[in-house]
Amino acid sequence: MMGPDAGEVMAVVEVAMLAGLPYTALRDAILTHPTMAEGVNPLFSSVH
Protein backbone atom coordinates (compact mmCIF):
# COMPACT_ATOMS: atom_id res chain seq x y z
CA MET A 1 0.00 0.00 0.00
CA MET A 2 1.32 3.45 -0.90
CA GLY A 3 0.00 6.92 -0.27
CA PRO A 4 -0.42 9.52 2.45
CA ASP A 5 -2.89 7.44 4.50
CA ALA A 6 -1.41 4.00 3.85
CA GLY A 7 -0.27 3.62 7.46
CA GLU A 8 -3.82 4.00 8.70
CA VAL A 9 -5.11 1.25 6.41
CA MET A 10 -2.19 -1.05 7.14
CA ALA A 11 -2.74 -0.69 10.90
CA VAL A 12 -6.24 -2.14 10.52
CA VAL A 13 -4.96 -5.04 8.40
CA GLU A 14 -2.03 -5.66 10.77
CA VAL A 15 -4.29 -5.95 13.83
CA ALA A 16 -6.49 -8.45 12.00
CA MET A 17 -3.46 -10.48 10.95
CA LEU A 18 -1.99 -10.50 14.46
CA ALA A 19 -5.33 -11.67 15.83
CA GLY A 20 -5.51 -14.44 13.23
CA LEU A 21 -8.81 -13.14 11.87
CA PRO A 22 -10.08 -14.19 8.44
CA TYR A 23 -10.53 -11.56 5.76
CA THR A 24 -14.28 -11.77 6.34
CA ALA A 25 -13.82 -10.12 9.74
CA LEU A 26 -12.51 -7.01 7.97
CA ARG A 27 -15.05 -7.29 5.19
CA ASP A 28 -17.91 -7.27 7.71
CA ALA A 29 -16.40 -4.82 10.18
CA ILE A 30 -17.82 -1.39 10.84
CA LEU A 31 -14.85 0.94 10.56
CA THR A 32 -14.80 4.54 11.72
CA HIS A 33 -15.86 7.21 9.25
CA PRO A 34 -14.35 9.09 7.50
CA THR A 35 -11.07 7.23 7.17
CA MET A 36 -9.10 5.58 4.42
CA ALA A 37 -9.51 2.26 6.26
CA GLU A 38 -13.14 2.23 5.13
CA GLY A 39 -11.77 1.02 1.79
CA VAL A 40 -10.95 -2.34 3.39
CA ASN A 41 -14.63 -3.37 3.34
CA PRO A 42 -15.13 -3.08 -0.44
CA LEU A 43 -11.68 -4.54 -1.06
CA PHE A 44 -12.48 -7.76 0.78
CA SER A 45 -16.06 -7.84 -0.51
CA SER A 46 -14.64 -8.56 -3.96
CA VAL A 47 -12.73 -11.68 -2.77
CA HIS A 48 -14.35 -14.91 -3.91
PDB file of N, CA and C in Angstrom:
ATOM      1  N   MET A   1       0.856  -1.165   0.000  1.00  0.00           N
ATOM      2  CA  MET A   1       0.000   0.000   0.000  1.00  0.00           C
ATOM      3  C   MET A   1       0.896   1.220   0.000  1.00  0.00           C
ATOM      4  N   MET A   2       0.547   2.203  -0.818  1.00  0.00           N
ATOM      5  CA  MET A   2       1.317   3.447  -0.901  1.00  0.00           C
ATOM      6  C   MET A   2       0.362   4.624  -0.861  1.00  0.00           C
ATOM      7  N   GLY A   3       0.796   5.705  -0.302  1.00  0.00           N
ATOM      8  CA  GLY A   3       0.003   6.920  -0.269  1.00  0.00           C
ATOM      9  C   GLY A   3       0.045   7.560   1.100  1.00  0.00           C
ATOM     10  N   PRO A   4      -0.509   8.767   1.203  1.00  0.00           N
ATOM     11  CA  PRO A   4      -0.417   9.519   2.449  1.00  0.00           C
ATOM     12  C   PRO A   4      -1.127   8.857   3.632  1.00  0.00           C
ATOM     13  N   ASP A   5      -2.147   8.069   3.403  1.00  0.00           N
ATOM     14  CA  ASP A   5      -2.885   7.442   4.498  1.00  0.00           C
ATOM     15  C   ASP A   5      -2.685   5.933   4.547  1.00  0.00           C
ATOM     16  N   ALA A   6      -1.649   5.451   3.902  1.00  0.00           N
ATOM     17  CA  ALA A   6      -1.407   4.005   3.845  1.00  0.00           C
ATOM     18  C   ALA A   6      -1.190   3.410   5.237  1.00  0.00           C
ATOM     19  N   GLY A   7      -0.528   4.119   6.115  1.00  0.00           N
ATOM     20  CA  GLY A   7      -0.274   3.621   7.462  1.00  0.00           C
ATOM     21  C   GLY A   7      -1.552   3.346   8.233  1.00  0.00           C
ATOM     22  N   GLU A   8      -2.536   4.177   8.027  1.00  0.00           N
ATOM     23  CA  GLU A   8      -3.825   3.997   8.699  1.00  0.00           C
ATOM     24  C   GLU A   8      -4.494   2.702   8.246  1.00  0.00           C
ATOM     25  N   VAL A   9      -4.493   2.453   6.948  1.00  0.00           N
ATOM     26  CA  VAL A   9      -5.114   1.253   6.412  1.00  0.00           C
ATOM     27  C   VAL A   9      -4.329   0.017   6.857  1.00  0.00           C
ATOM     28  N   MET A  10      -3.020   0.087   6.779  1.00  0.00           N
ATOM     29  CA  MET A  10      -2.191  -1.053   7.141  1.00  0.00           C
ATOM     30  C   MET A  10      -2.320  -1.402   8.614  1.00  0.00           C
ATOM     31  N   ALA A  11      -2.551  -0.420   9.471  1.00  0.00           N
ATOM     32  CA  ALA A  11      -2.736  -0.691  10.898  1.00  0.00           C
ATOM     33  C   ALA A  11      -3.953  -1.581  11.126  1.00  0.00           C
ATOM     34  N   VAL A  12      -5.023  -1.331  10.398  1.00  0.00           N
ATOM     35  CA  VAL A  12      -6.239  -2.142  10.518  1.00  0.00           C
ATOM     36  C   VAL A  12      -5.957  -3.567  10.058  1.00  0.00           C
ATOM     37  N   VAL A  13      -5.283  -3.717   8.938  1.00  0.00           N
ATOM     38  CA  VAL A  13      -4.964  -5.041   8.401  1.00  0.00           C
ATOM     39  C   VAL A  13      -3.994  -5.766   9.338  1.00  0.00           C
ATOM     40  N   GLU A  14      -3.022  -5.055   9.875  1.00  0.00           N
ATOM     41  CA  GLU A  14      -2.035  -5.664  10.772  1.00  0.00           C
ATOM     42  C   GLU A  14      -2.694  -6.223  12.033  1.00  0.00           C
ATOM     43  N   VAL A  15      -3.598  -5.476  12.626  1.00  0.00           N
ATOM     44  CA  VAL A  15      -4.286  -5.949  13.829  1.00  0.00           C
ATOM     45  C   VAL A  15      -5.066  -7.226  13.524  1.00  0.00           C
ATOM     46  N   ALA A  16      -5.734  -7.253  12.388  1.00  0.00           N
ATOM     47  CA  ALA A  16      -6.490  -8.446  12.001  1.00  0.00           C
ATOM     48  C   ALA A  16      -5.550  -9.637  11.801  1.00  0.00           C
ATOM     49  N   MET A  17      -4.414  -9.399  11.174  1.00  0.00           N
ATOM     50  CA  MET A  17      -3.458 -10.480  10.949  1.00  0.00           C
ATOM     51  C   MET A  17      -2.892 -10.988  12.266  1.00  0.00           C
ATOM     52  N   LEU A  18      -2.525 -10.091  13.169  1.00  0.00           N
ATOM     53  CA  LEU A  18      -1.987 -10.496  14.465  1.00  0.00           C
ATOM     54  C   LEU A  18      -3.003 -11.292  15.278  1.00  0.00           C
ATOM     55  N   ALA A  19      -4.275 -10.965  15.112  1.00  0.00           N
ATOM     56  CA  ALA A  19      -5.332 -11.668  15.834  1.00  0.00           C
ATOM     57  C   ALA A  19      -5.720 -12.971  15.153  1.00  0.00           C
ATOM     58  N   GLY A  20      -5.183 -13.223  13.960  1.00  0.00           N
ATOM     59  CA  GLY A  20      -5.509 -14.441  13.233  1.00  0.00           C
ATOM     60  C   GLY A  20      -6.916 -14.439  12.664  1.00  0.00           C
ATOM     61  N   LEU A  21      -7.446 -13.252  12.385  1.00  0.00           N
ATOM     62  CA  LEU A  21      -8.809 -13.140  11.872  1.00  0.00           C
ATOM     63  C   LEU A  21      -8.850 -13.418  10.373  1.00  0.00           C
ATOM     64  N   PRO A  22      -9.931 -14.006   9.882  1.00  0.00           N
ATOM     65  CA  PRO A  22     -10.079 -14.193   8.439  1.00  0.00           C
ATOM     66  C   PRO A  22     -10.413 -12.854   7.770  1.00  0.00           C
ATOM     67  N   TYR A  23     -10.231 -12.800   6.468  1.00  0.00           N
ATOM     68  CA  TYR A  23     -10.527 -11.555   5.755  1.00  0.00           C
ATOM     69  C   TYR A  23     -11.980 -11.139   5.925  1.00  0.00           C
ATOM     70  N   THR A  24     -12.865 -12.098   6.185  1.00  0.00           N
ATOM     71  CA  THR A  24     -14.279 -11.771   6.340  1.00  0.00           C
ATOM     72  C   THR A  24     -14.528 -10.896   7.565  1.00  0.00           C
ATOM     73  N   ALA A  25     -13.671 -10.985   8.559  1.00  0.00           N
ATOM     74  CA  ALA A  25     -13.820 -10.122   9.737  1.00  0.00           C
ATOM     75  C   ALA A  25     -13.640  -8.659   9.343  1.00  0.00           C
ATOM     76  N   LEU A  26     -12.702  -8.384   8.452  1.00  0.00           N
ATOM     77  CA  LEU A  26     -12.514  -7.012   7.974  1.00  0.00           C
ATOM     78  C   LEU A  26     -13.610  -6.623   6.993  1.00  0.00           C
ATOM     79  N   ARG A  27     -13.991  -7.563   6.167  1.00  0.00           N
ATOM     80  CA  ARG A  27     -15.053  -7.286   5.192  1.00  0.00           C
ATOM     81  C   ARG A  27     -16.344  -6.870   5.890  1.00  0.00           C
ATOM     82  N   ASP A  28     -16.652  -7.510   7.006  1.00  0.00           N
ATOM     83  CA  ASP A  28     -17.914  -7.270   7.705  1.00  0.00           C
ATOM     84  C   ASP A  28     -17.803  -6.257   8.841  1.00  0.00           C
ATOM     85  N   ALA A  29     -16.616  -5.753   9.072  1.00  0.00           N
ATOM     86  CA  ALA A  29     -16.402  -4.822  10.182  1.00  0.00           C
ATOM     87  C   ALA A  29     -17.035  -3.455   9.895  1.00  0.00           C
ATOM     88  N   ILE A  30     -17.382  -2.783  10.945  1.00  0.00           N
ATOM     89  CA  ILE A  30     -17.822  -1.389  10.839  1.00  0.00           C
ATOM     90  C   ILE A  30     -16.640  -0.537  11.263  1.00  0.00           C
ATOM     91  N   LEU A  31     -16.029   0.126  10.298  1.00  0.00           N
ATOM     92  CA  LEU A  31     -14.846   0.939  10.562  1.00  0.00           C
ATOM     93  C   LEU A  31     -15.248   2.405  10.700  1.00  0.00           C
ATOM     94  N   THR A  32     -14.466   3.133  11.469  1.00  0.00           N
ATOM     95  CA  THR A  32     -14.802   4.536  11.716  1.00  0.00           C
ATOM     96  C   THR A  32     -14.857   5.334  10.423  1.00  0.00           C
ATOM     97  N   HIS A  33     -15.636   6.381  10.433  1.00  0.00           N
ATOM     98  CA  HIS A  33     -15.861   7.209   9.246  1.00  0.00           C
ATOM     99  C   HIS A  33     -15.542   8.658   9.593  1.00  0.00           C
ATOM    100  N   PRO A  34     -14.949   9.414   8.784  1.00  0.00           N
ATOM    101  CA  PRO A  34     -14.353   9.090   7.501  1.00  0.00           C
ATOM    102  C   PRO A  34     -12.874   8.743   7.669  1.00  0.00           C
ATOM    103  N   THR A  35     -12.482   7.631   7.176  1.00  0.00           N
ATOM    104  CA  THR A  35     -11.072   7.234   7.168  1.00  0.00           C
ATOM    105  C   THR A  35     -10.772   6.474   5.885  1.00  0.00           C
ATOM    106  N   MET A  36      -9.511   6.362   5.587  1.00  0.00           N
ATOM    107  CA  MET A  36      -9.103   5.576   4.425  1.00  0.00           C
ATOM    108  C   MET A  36      -9.326   4.089   4.666  1.00  0.00           C
ATOM    109  N   ALA A  37      -9.328   3.671   5.945  1.00  0.00           N
ATOM    110  CA  ALA A  37      -9.513   2.256   6.264  1.00  0.00           C
ATOM    111  C   ALA A  37     -10.885   1.752   5.848  1.00  0.00           C
ATOM    112  N   GLU A  38     -11.816   2.640   5.617  1.00  0.00           N
ATOM    113  CA  GLU A  38     -13.136   2.227   5.128  1.00  0.00           C
ATOM    114  C   GLU A  38     -13.033   1.466   3.809  1.00  0.00           C
ATOM    115  N   GLY A  39     -11.973   1.693   3.067  1.00  0.00           N
ATOM    116  CA  GLY A  39     -11.769   1.016   1.793  1.00  0.00           C
ATOM    117  C   GLY A  39     -11.506  -0.469   1.936  1.00  0.00           C
ATOM    118  N   VAL A  40     -11.200  -0.930   3.160  1.00  0.00           N
ATOM    119  CA  VAL A  40     -10.951  -2.344   3.392  1.00  0.00           C
ATOM    120  C   VAL A  40     -12.219  -3.159   3.138  1.00  0.00           C
ATOM    121  N   ASN A  41     -13.370  -2.632   3.520  1.00  0.00           N
ATOM    122  CA  ASN A  41     -14.630  -3.368   3.336  1.00  0.00           C
ATOM    123  C   ASN A  41     -14.881  -3.702   1.869  1.00  0.00           C
ATOM    124  N   PRO A  42     -14.881  -2.730   0.961  1.00  0.00           N
ATOM    125  CA  PRO A  42     -15.125  -3.082  -0.439  1.00  0.00           C
ATOM    126  C   PRO A  42     -14.019  -3.935  -1.028  1.00  0.00           C
ATOM    127  N   LEU A  43     -12.790  -3.739  -0.559  1.00  0.00           N
ATOM    128  CA  LEU A  43     -11.676  -4.543  -1.062  1.00  0.00           C
ATOM    129  C   LEU A  43     -11.925  -6.020  -0.796  1.00  0.00           C
ATOM    130  N   PHE A  44     -12.261  -6.368   0.428  1.00  0.00           N
ATOM    131  CA  PHE A  44     -12.478  -7.762   0.775  1.00  0.00           C
ATOM    132  C   PHE A  44     -13.845  -8.273   0.337  1.00  0.00           C
ATOM    133  N   SER A  45     -14.760  -7.401   0.013  1.00  0.00           N
ATOM    134  CA  SER A  45     -16.059  -7.842  -0.510  1.00  0.00           C
ATOM    135  C   SER A  45     -15.914  -8.441  -1.905  1.00  0.00           C
ATOM    136  N   SER A  46     -14.844  -8.072  -2.606  1.00  0.00           N
ATOM    137  CA  SER A  46     -14.637  -8.564  -3.962  1.00  0.00           C
ATOM    138  C   SER A  46     -13.885  -9.888  -3.999  1.00  0.00           C
ATOM    139  N   VAL A  47     -13.441 -10.398  -2.832  1.00  0.00           N
ATOM    140  CA  VAL A  47     -12.734 -11.681  -2.771  1.00  0.00           C
ATOM    141  C   VAL A  47     -13.738 -12.826  -2.886  1.00  0.00           C
ATOM    142  N   HIS A  48     -13.438 -13.771  -3.711  1.00  0.00           N
ATOM    143  CA  HIS A  48     -14.352 -14.910  -3.911  1.00  0.00           C
ATOM    144  C   HIS A  48     -13.935 -16.067  -3.059  1.00  0.00           C
TER     145      HIS A  48
END
